[in-house]
Amino acid sequence: MNRRDALGVFAALATTTWLGRAAAAKPYPQRPVTLIVPYSPGGATDNVARVIAEHMQAALGQPVIIDNRAGANGRIGTLAVARAAPDGYVLLLGGIGPITIAPHIEKVPYDPFQDFAPVSLLVKNDVVLLVNPSVPARRLDELIALLKAEPGKFNYGSSGTGGPFHLSGELFKSLAGIEMTHVPYKGDGPALVDLMAGNVQVMFTTISASAAHIRAGKLVALACAGEARSNQMPDLPTIAESGLPGFSSETWQALFAPGGTPAGIVEALQDGLAIAMRDPRLRQALQAQGNSVVGSDVATCAKFVRDEYDKWGGVVRKAQLAG
């Protein structure tokens, strides 16, 4: 090869390398982003996703498309993201069940830490402790005293075995030193119907699912279950401040990318979300659904998920719920 040919080959290689780097340096995203919701349309998680997607796409400059992948209590959609290419174009609106509870109860086909890259904690859903009006307790200490006086007499309902509201009841039993019998239902709706009928006497659920029944006097709210009071019921104390320190139970939604997604893409997603989460319209829409708006950086989200995983793992082991 003569000198002129060698220079030509070198120039071609240099051009190819530069073009490759230029392509890699293109800002993310360059095409629509899919946000997988592991539940059916119309539910609480889906409602959050649609508000987030609307504002997130304005910040990213690309459409954000909702893809509902319901089934197996959220595990089907969660697995789809775990197996997706780590390029930032398939994301997960993940929550407490599939990520931090299910792995303790049964073998799941994904690793909650290796297979997902936390981006931001988006919202916490305000949870409340309810009783049927016939229960002679209007404060938390009165309920605990009643349950201690008659151990095993009272039942508590939940939206399903191994779900967050079942485990909320188990955590309550453990910290308060009381006994109740768990009665699982196929969803919040049937459980609330039986709670109002008096077939079960106690229940944990979201304020958004129960607020109308509380206002109508069909149910009595004793305390908020989260770390802070709900902005929907600011006069209702938390369980922790009512005499059971250390109790906290909230459902939540966070944004995850597949594990191995480059840090630059995760940062771009977090930056876009930070812009979206400051929008008063987004905050108002999410709060109207019964959510506390959070919005966090990557490190805070990762720590929160780990803490939730460890907390609920302890509850599962103490209640001997693992399969």
Protein backbone atom coordinates (compact mmCIF):
# COMPACT_ATOMS: atom_id res chain seq x y z
CA MET A 1 0.00 0.00 0.00
CA ASN A 2 1.48 3.35 -0.98
CA ARG A 3 1.44 6.44 1.20
CA ARG A 4 -1.57 8.01 -0.58
CA ASP A 5 -3.66 4.82 -0.10
CA ALA A 6 -2.60 4.53 3.52
CA LEU A 7 -3.66 8.11 4.15
CA GLY A 8 -6.99 7.39 2.47
CA VAL A 9 -7.63 4.36 4.68
CA PHE A 10 -6.66 6.36 7.77
CA ALA A 11 -9.03 9.19 6.79
CA ALA A 12 -11.87 6.74 6.21
CA LEU A 13 -11.31 5.09 9.59
CA ALA A 14 -11.12 8.45 11.33
CA THR A 15 -14.34 9.60 9.67
CA THR A 16 -16.13 6.38 10.64
CA THR A 17 -14.96 6.71 14.24
CA TRP A 18 -16.04 10.35 14.42
CA LEU A 19 -19.47 9.54 12.98
CA GLY A 20 -19.90 6.73 15.51
CA ARG A 21 -19.02 9.02 18.37
CA ALA A 22 -21.27 11.74 17.03
CA ALA A 23 -24.16 9.29 16.82
CA ALA A 24 -23.49 8.09 20.36
CA ALA A 25 -23.37 11.69 21.54
CA LYS A 26 -26.85 12.49 20.25
CA PRO A 27 -29.03 13.64 23.12
CA TYR A 28 -31.44 11.12 24.59
CA PRO A 29 -34.19 10.44 23.63
CA GLN A 30 -34.33 10.30 19.84
CA ARG A 31 -37.65 8.42 19.55
CA PRO A 32 -40.78 7.65 21.63
CA VAL A 33 -40.35 6.15 25.09
CA THR A 34 -42.60 3.32 26.32
CA LEU A 35 -43.71 3.37 29.95
CA ILE A 36 -44.89 -0.07 31.07
CA VAL A 37 -47.60 -0.10 33.72
CA PRO A 38 -47.86 -3.61 35.22
CA TYR A 39 -51.57 -3.24 35.96
CA SER A 40 -54.83 -2.75 34.06
CA PRO A 41 -56.01 0.65 32.79
CA GLY A 42 -58.04 2.73 35.20
CA GLY A 43 -56.37 1.68 38.43
CA ALA A 44 -54.36 3.82 40.83
CA THR A 45 -50.99 3.00 39.23
CA ASP A 46 -52.31 3.61 35.73
CA ASN A 47 -53.77 6.96 36.78
CA VAL A 48 -50.40 8.07 38.13
CA ALA A 49 -48.67 6.88 34.96
CA ARG A 50 -50.90 8.92 32.67
CA VAL A 51 -50.27 12.14 34.57
CA ILE A 52 -46.52 11.49 34.67
CA ALA A 53 -46.37 10.55 30.96
CA GLU A 54 -48.21 13.68 29.87
CA HIS A 55 -45.76 16.01 31.60
CA MET A 56 -42.66 13.87 31.10
CA GLN A 57 -42.98 13.87 27.31
CA ALA A 58 -43.02 17.66 27.29
CA ALA A 59 -39.77 17.68 29.27
CA LEU A 60 -38.10 14.97 27.12
CA GLY A 61 -39.35 16.26 23.78
CA GLN A 62 -40.60 12.82 22.71
CA PRO A 63 -43.91 10.96 23.15
CA VAL A 64 -44.21 8.76 26.23
CA ILE A 65 -46.50 5.83 25.41
CA ILE A 66 -48.34 3.90 28.14
CA ASP A 67 -48.24 0.11 27.76
CA ASN A 68 -50.45 -1.75 30.25
CA ARG A 69 -49.03 -5.25 30.92
CA ALA A 70 -51.30 -6.57 33.64
CA GLY A 71 -51.11 -9.99 35.26
CA ALA A 72 -49.60 -11.97 38.15
CA ASN A 73 -50.01 -9.05 40.56
CA GLY A 74 -47.75 -6.83 38.51
CA ARG A 75 -44.99 -9.33 37.85
CA ILE A 76 -45.64 -9.76 34.10
CA GLY A 77 -45.09 -6.09 33.28
CA THR A 78 -42.20 -5.87 35.71
CA LEU A 79 -40.48 -8.83 34.03
CA ALA A 80 -40.96 -7.22 30.60
CA VAL A 81 -38.86 -4.25 31.70
CA ALA A 82 -36.25 -6.47 33.35
CA ARG A 83 -35.76 -8.16 29.95
CA ALA A 84 -35.87 -4.97 27.86
CA ALA A 85 -32.81 -3.44 26.20
CA PRO A 86 -31.04 -1.06 28.59
CA ASP A 87 -31.31 1.93 26.26
CA GLY A 88 -33.89 4.05 28.08
CA TYR A 89 -36.72 3.43 25.62
CA VAL A 90 -38.65 0.96 27.81
CA LEU A 91 -39.31 2.06 31.39
CA LEU A 92 -41.30 0.75 34.36
CA LEU A 93 -43.72 2.46 36.69
CA GLY A 94 -42.90 0.10 39.51
CA GLY A 95 -44.29 -0.17 42.99
CA ILE A 96 -44.23 -1.82 46.37
CA GLY A 97 -45.69 -5.21 45.41
CA PRO A 98 -43.55 -6.62 42.58
CA ILE A 99 -40.32 -4.89 43.63
CA THR A 100 -40.19 -5.03 47.43
CA ILE A 101 -42.72 -7.63 48.61
CA ALA A 102 -43.12 -10.41 46.01
CA PRO A 103 -39.41 -11.43 46.00
CA HIS A 104 -39.72 -12.35 49.70
CA ILE A 105 -42.88 -14.42 49.26
CA GLU A 106 -42.07 -16.44 46.15
CA LYS A 107 -39.40 -16.95 43.55
CA VAL A 108 -39.73 -14.22 40.91
CA PRO A 109 -38.00 -14.29 37.50
CA TYR A 110 -36.11 -11.06 38.07
CA ASP A 111 -33.76 -9.53 40.59
CA PRO A 112 -35.23 -6.35 42.14
CA PHE A 113 -31.83 -4.70 42.26
CA GLN A 114 -29.71 -6.13 39.45
CA ASP A 115 -32.45 -5.98 36.81
CA PHE A 116 -33.64 -2.42 37.46
CA ALA A 117 -32.04 1.01 37.62
CA PRO A 118 -33.97 3.36 39.96
CA VAL A 119 -34.61 6.79 38.46
CA SER A 120 -36.97 8.65 40.79
CA LEU A 121 -39.48 8.03 43.56
CA LEU A 122 -42.59 9.73 42.16
CA VAL A 123 -45.46 9.47 44.63
CA LYS A 124 -46.53 7.89 47.86
CA ASN A 125 -50.17 6.83 48.14
CA ASP A 126 -51.81 7.84 51.40
CA VAL A 127 -52.96 4.76 53.36
CA VAL A 128 -55.47 4.81 56.21
CA LEU A 129 -56.51 2.46 59.02
CA LEU A 130 -60.29 1.93 58.95
CA VAL A 131 -62.85 0.27 61.18
CA ASN A 132 -66.52 -0.51 60.80
CA PRO A 133 -68.63 2.05 62.73
CA SER A 134 -69.86 -0.72 65.05
CA VAL A 135 -66.35 -1.15 66.47
CA PRO A 136 -66.28 0.75 69.80
CA ALA A 137 -63.03 2.58 69.08
CA ARG A 138 -62.46 6.08 67.71
CA ARG A 139 -58.76 6.37 68.47
CA LEU A 140 -55.86 4.06 67.82
CA ASP A 141 -55.19 3.38 71.51
CA GLU A 142 -58.84 2.39 71.98
CA LEU A 143 -58.61 -0.08 69.09
CA ILE A 144 -55.39 -1.61 70.41
CA ALA A 145 -56.90 -1.98 73.88
CA LEU A 146 -59.98 -3.65 72.39
CA LEU A 147 -57.92 -6.08 70.31
CA LYS A 148 -55.75 -6.97 73.29
CA ALA A 149 -58.81 -7.56 75.47
CA GLU A 150 -60.37 -9.94 72.93
CA PRO A 151 -57.50 -11.54 70.99
CA GLY A 152 -58.51 -13.26 67.77
CA LYS A 153 -62.13 -12.04 67.87
CA PHE A 154 -61.73 -9.41 65.17
CA ASN A 155 -60.98 -9.87 61.46
CA TYR A 156 -59.13 -7.58 59.13
CA GLY A 157 -59.70 -7.54 55.38
CA SER A 158 -57.24 -6.87 52.60
CA SER A 159 -57.10 -6.74 48.82
CA GLY A 160 -55.22 -10.05 48.70
CA THR A 161 -52.74 -12.33 50.43
CA GLY A 162 -49.20 -11.02 50.24
CA GLY A 163 -50.30 -7.56 49.14
CA PRO A 164 -49.28 -4.31 50.84
CA PHE A 165 -52.49 -4.03 52.87
CA HIS A 166 -52.21 -7.59 54.12
CA LEU A 167 -48.66 -6.85 55.23
CA SER A 168 -49.76 -3.53 56.76
CA GLY A 169 -52.05 -5.57 59.01
CA GLU A 170 -49.24 -7.96 59.88
CA LEU A 171 -46.91 -5.07 60.73
CA PHE A 172 -49.64 -3.54 62.88
CA LYS A 173 -50.17 -6.84 64.72
CA SER A 174 -46.45 -7.22 65.33
CA LEU A 175 -45.79 -3.71 66.64
CA ALA A 176 -49.00 -3.45 68.68
CA GLY A 177 -48.76 -6.97 70.11
CA ILE A 178 -52.31 -7.88 69.14
CA GLU A 179 -54.07 -10.68 67.26
CA MET A 180 -56.49 -10.41 64.34
CA THR A 181 -57.52 -12.88 61.66
CA HIS A 182 -56.67 -12.00 58.07
CA VAL A 183 -59.44 -12.32 55.47
CA PRO A 184 -58.16 -11.84 51.89
CA TYR A 185 -60.33 -10.59 49.02
CA LYS A 186 -59.83 -10.22 45.28
CA GLY A 187 -59.26 -6.50 45.35
CA ASP A 188 -60.09 -3.46 47.46
CA GLY A 189 -63.70 -3.22 46.28
CA PRO A 190 -65.01 -6.51 47.73
CA ALA A 191 -63.02 -6.00 50.92
CA LEU A 192 -64.52 -2.54 51.46
CA VAL A 193 -68.03 -3.89 50.86
CA ASP A 194 -67.55 -6.51 53.58
CA LEU A 195 -65.96 -3.95 55.90
CA MET A 196 -69.03 -1.72 55.56
CA ALA A 197 -71.27 -4.76 56.12
CA GLY A 198 -69.37 -5.65 59.29
CA ASN A 199 -68.17 -9.04 58.04
CA VAL A 200 -64.64 -7.80 58.73
CA GLN A 201 -64.02 -5.07 61.26
CA VAL A 202 -60.62 -3.57 60.39
CA MET A 203 -58.82 -2.73 57.14
CA PHE A 204 -55.90 -0.85 55.67
CA THR A 205 -56.40 0.76 52.26
CA THR A 206 -55.76 3.98 50.38
CA ILE A 207 -57.58 7.17 51.26
CA SER A 208 -58.54 7.57 47.61
CA ALA A 209 -60.41 4.23 47.69
CA SER A 210 -62.20 4.93 50.95
CA ALA A 211 -62.69 8.70 51.27
CA ALA A 212 -66.29 8.72 49.96
CA HIS A 213 -67.29 5.98 52.43
CA ILE A 214 -65.62 7.85 55.30
CA ARG A 215 -67.43 11.08 54.42
CA ALA A 216 -70.73 9.17 54.25
CA GLY A 217 -70.19 7.76 57.73
CA LYS A 218 -70.06 4.18 56.48
CA LEU A 219 -66.47 3.76 57.69
CA VAL A 220 -64.38 5.33 60.44
CA ALA A 221 -60.80 6.42 59.83
CA LEU A 222 -58.64 6.04 62.94
CA ALA A 223 -55.21 7.06 61.65
CA CYS A 224 -53.03 7.60 58.63
CA ALA A 225 -50.56 4.79 58.06
CA GLY A 226 -47.74 6.78 56.44
CA GLU A 227 -44.82 8.71 57.88
CA ALA A 228 -46.71 12.00 57.61
CA ARG A 229 -50.31 13.13 57.73
CA SER A 230 -52.23 13.12 54.47
CA ASN A 231 -52.97 16.45 52.83
CA GLN A 232 -56.42 14.99 52.13
CA MET A 233 -57.11 14.43 55.85
CA PRO A 234 -54.71 16.79 57.64
CA ASP A 235 -56.53 16.47 60.99
CA LEU A 236 -56.11 12.69 61.06
CA PRO A 237 -52.99 11.71 63.05
CA THR A 238 -50.55 9.08 61.89
CA ILE A 239 -50.30 5.68 63.55
CA ALA A 240 -46.78 6.54 64.71
CA GLU A 241 -47.82 9.75 66.44
CA SER A 242 -50.88 8.00 67.90
CA GLY A 243 -48.71 5.78 70.05
CA LEU A 244 -47.13 3.18 67.76
CA PRO A 245 -43.70 4.58 66.89
CA GLY A 246 -41.90 2.94 64.00
CA PHE A 247 -45.06 2.12 62.07
CA SER A 248 -45.12 3.26 58.47
CA SER A 249 -46.97 1.77 55.53
CA GLU A 250 -47.44 3.51 52.22
CA THR A 251 -47.88 2.25 48.72
CA TRP A 252 -45.76 4.09 46.19
CA GLN A 253 -44.74 4.37 42.56
CA ALA A 254 -41.25 4.96 41.22
CA LEU A 255 -39.71 5.13 37.77
CA PHE A 256 -37.22 2.40 36.85
CA ALA A 257 -35.11 1.73 33.76
CA PRO A 258 -33.74 -1.73 32.95
CA GLY A 259 -30.59 -2.68 34.83
CA GLY A 260 -27.44 -1.70 32.98
CA THR A 261 -28.94 1.46 31.46
CA PRO A 262 -26.06 3.95 30.97
CA ALA A 263 -25.74 6.54 33.72
CA GLY A 264 -26.08 9.37 31.19
CA ILE A 265 -29.52 8.13 30.13
CA VAL A 266 -30.66 7.65 33.73
CA GLU A 267 -29.51 11.20 34.47
CA ALA A 268 -31.37 12.54 31.44
CA LEU A 269 -34.54 10.80 32.62
CA GLN A 270 -34.13 12.13 36.13
CA ASP A 271 -33.51 15.66 34.81
CA GLY A 272 -36.65 15.47 32.67
CA LEU A 273 -38.67 14.22 35.61
CA ALA A 274 -37.33 16.96 37.86
CA ILE A 275 -38.70 19.52 35.40
CA ALA A 276 -42.05 17.73 35.14
CA MET A 277 -42.46 17.27 38.89
CA ARG A 278 -42.13 21.00 39.50
CA ASP A 279 -45.16 21.72 37.32
CA PRO A 280 -48.06 22.82 39.57
CA ARG A 281 -50.55 21.18 37.22
CA LEU A 282 -48.86 17.80 37.62
CA ARG A 283 -48.73 18.14 41.40
CA GLN A 284 -52.37 19.16 41.60
CA ALA A 285 -53.47 16.26 39.39
CA LEU A 286 -51.53 13.69 41.43
CA GLN A 287 -52.71 15.08 44.75
CA ALA A 288 -56.31 14.95 43.54
CA GLN A 289 -55.82 11.19 43.12
CA GLY A 290 -54.83 10.84 46.77
CA ASN A 291 -51.06 10.88 46.32
CA SER A 292 -48.28 12.68 48.13
CA VAL A 293 -45.98 14.01 45.41
CA VAL A 294 -42.30 13.24 46.01
CA GLY A 295 -39.91 13.42 43.07
CA SER A 296 -36.39 12.41 44.07
CA ASP A 297 -32.88 11.99 42.78
CA VAL A 298 -31.50 8.59 41.81
CA ALA A 299 -29.64 7.95 45.07
CA THR A 300 -32.63 8.79 47.24
CA CYS A 301 -34.86 6.52 45.16
CA ALA A 302 -32.39 3.64 45.39
CA LYS A 303 -32.09 3.97 49.17
CA PHE A 304 -35.86 4.16 49.58
CA VAL A 305 -36.39 0.97 47.54
CA ARG A 306 -33.71 -0.88 49.53
CA ASP A 307 -35.21 0.25 52.85
CA GLU A 308 -38.69 -0.86 51.73
CA TYR A 309 -37.31 -4.20 50.58
CA ASP A 310 -35.65 -4.82 53.93
CA LYS A 311 -38.67 -3.67 55.97
CA TRP A 312 -41.23 -5.84 54.19
CA GLY A 313 -38.83 -8.78 54.11
CA GLY A 314 -38.80 -8.68 57.90
CA VAL A 315 -42.61 -8.58 58.03
CA VAL A 316 -42.90 -11.53 55.64
CA ARG A 317 -40.46 -13.62 57.66
CA LYS A 318 -42.12 -12.85 60.99
CA ALA A 319 -45.57 -13.66 59.58
CA GLN A 320 -44.14 -16.83 57.94
CA LEU A 321 -45.65 -15.93 54.56
CA ALA A 322 -42.82 -17.14 52.34
CA GLY A 323 -43.76 -20.00 50.03
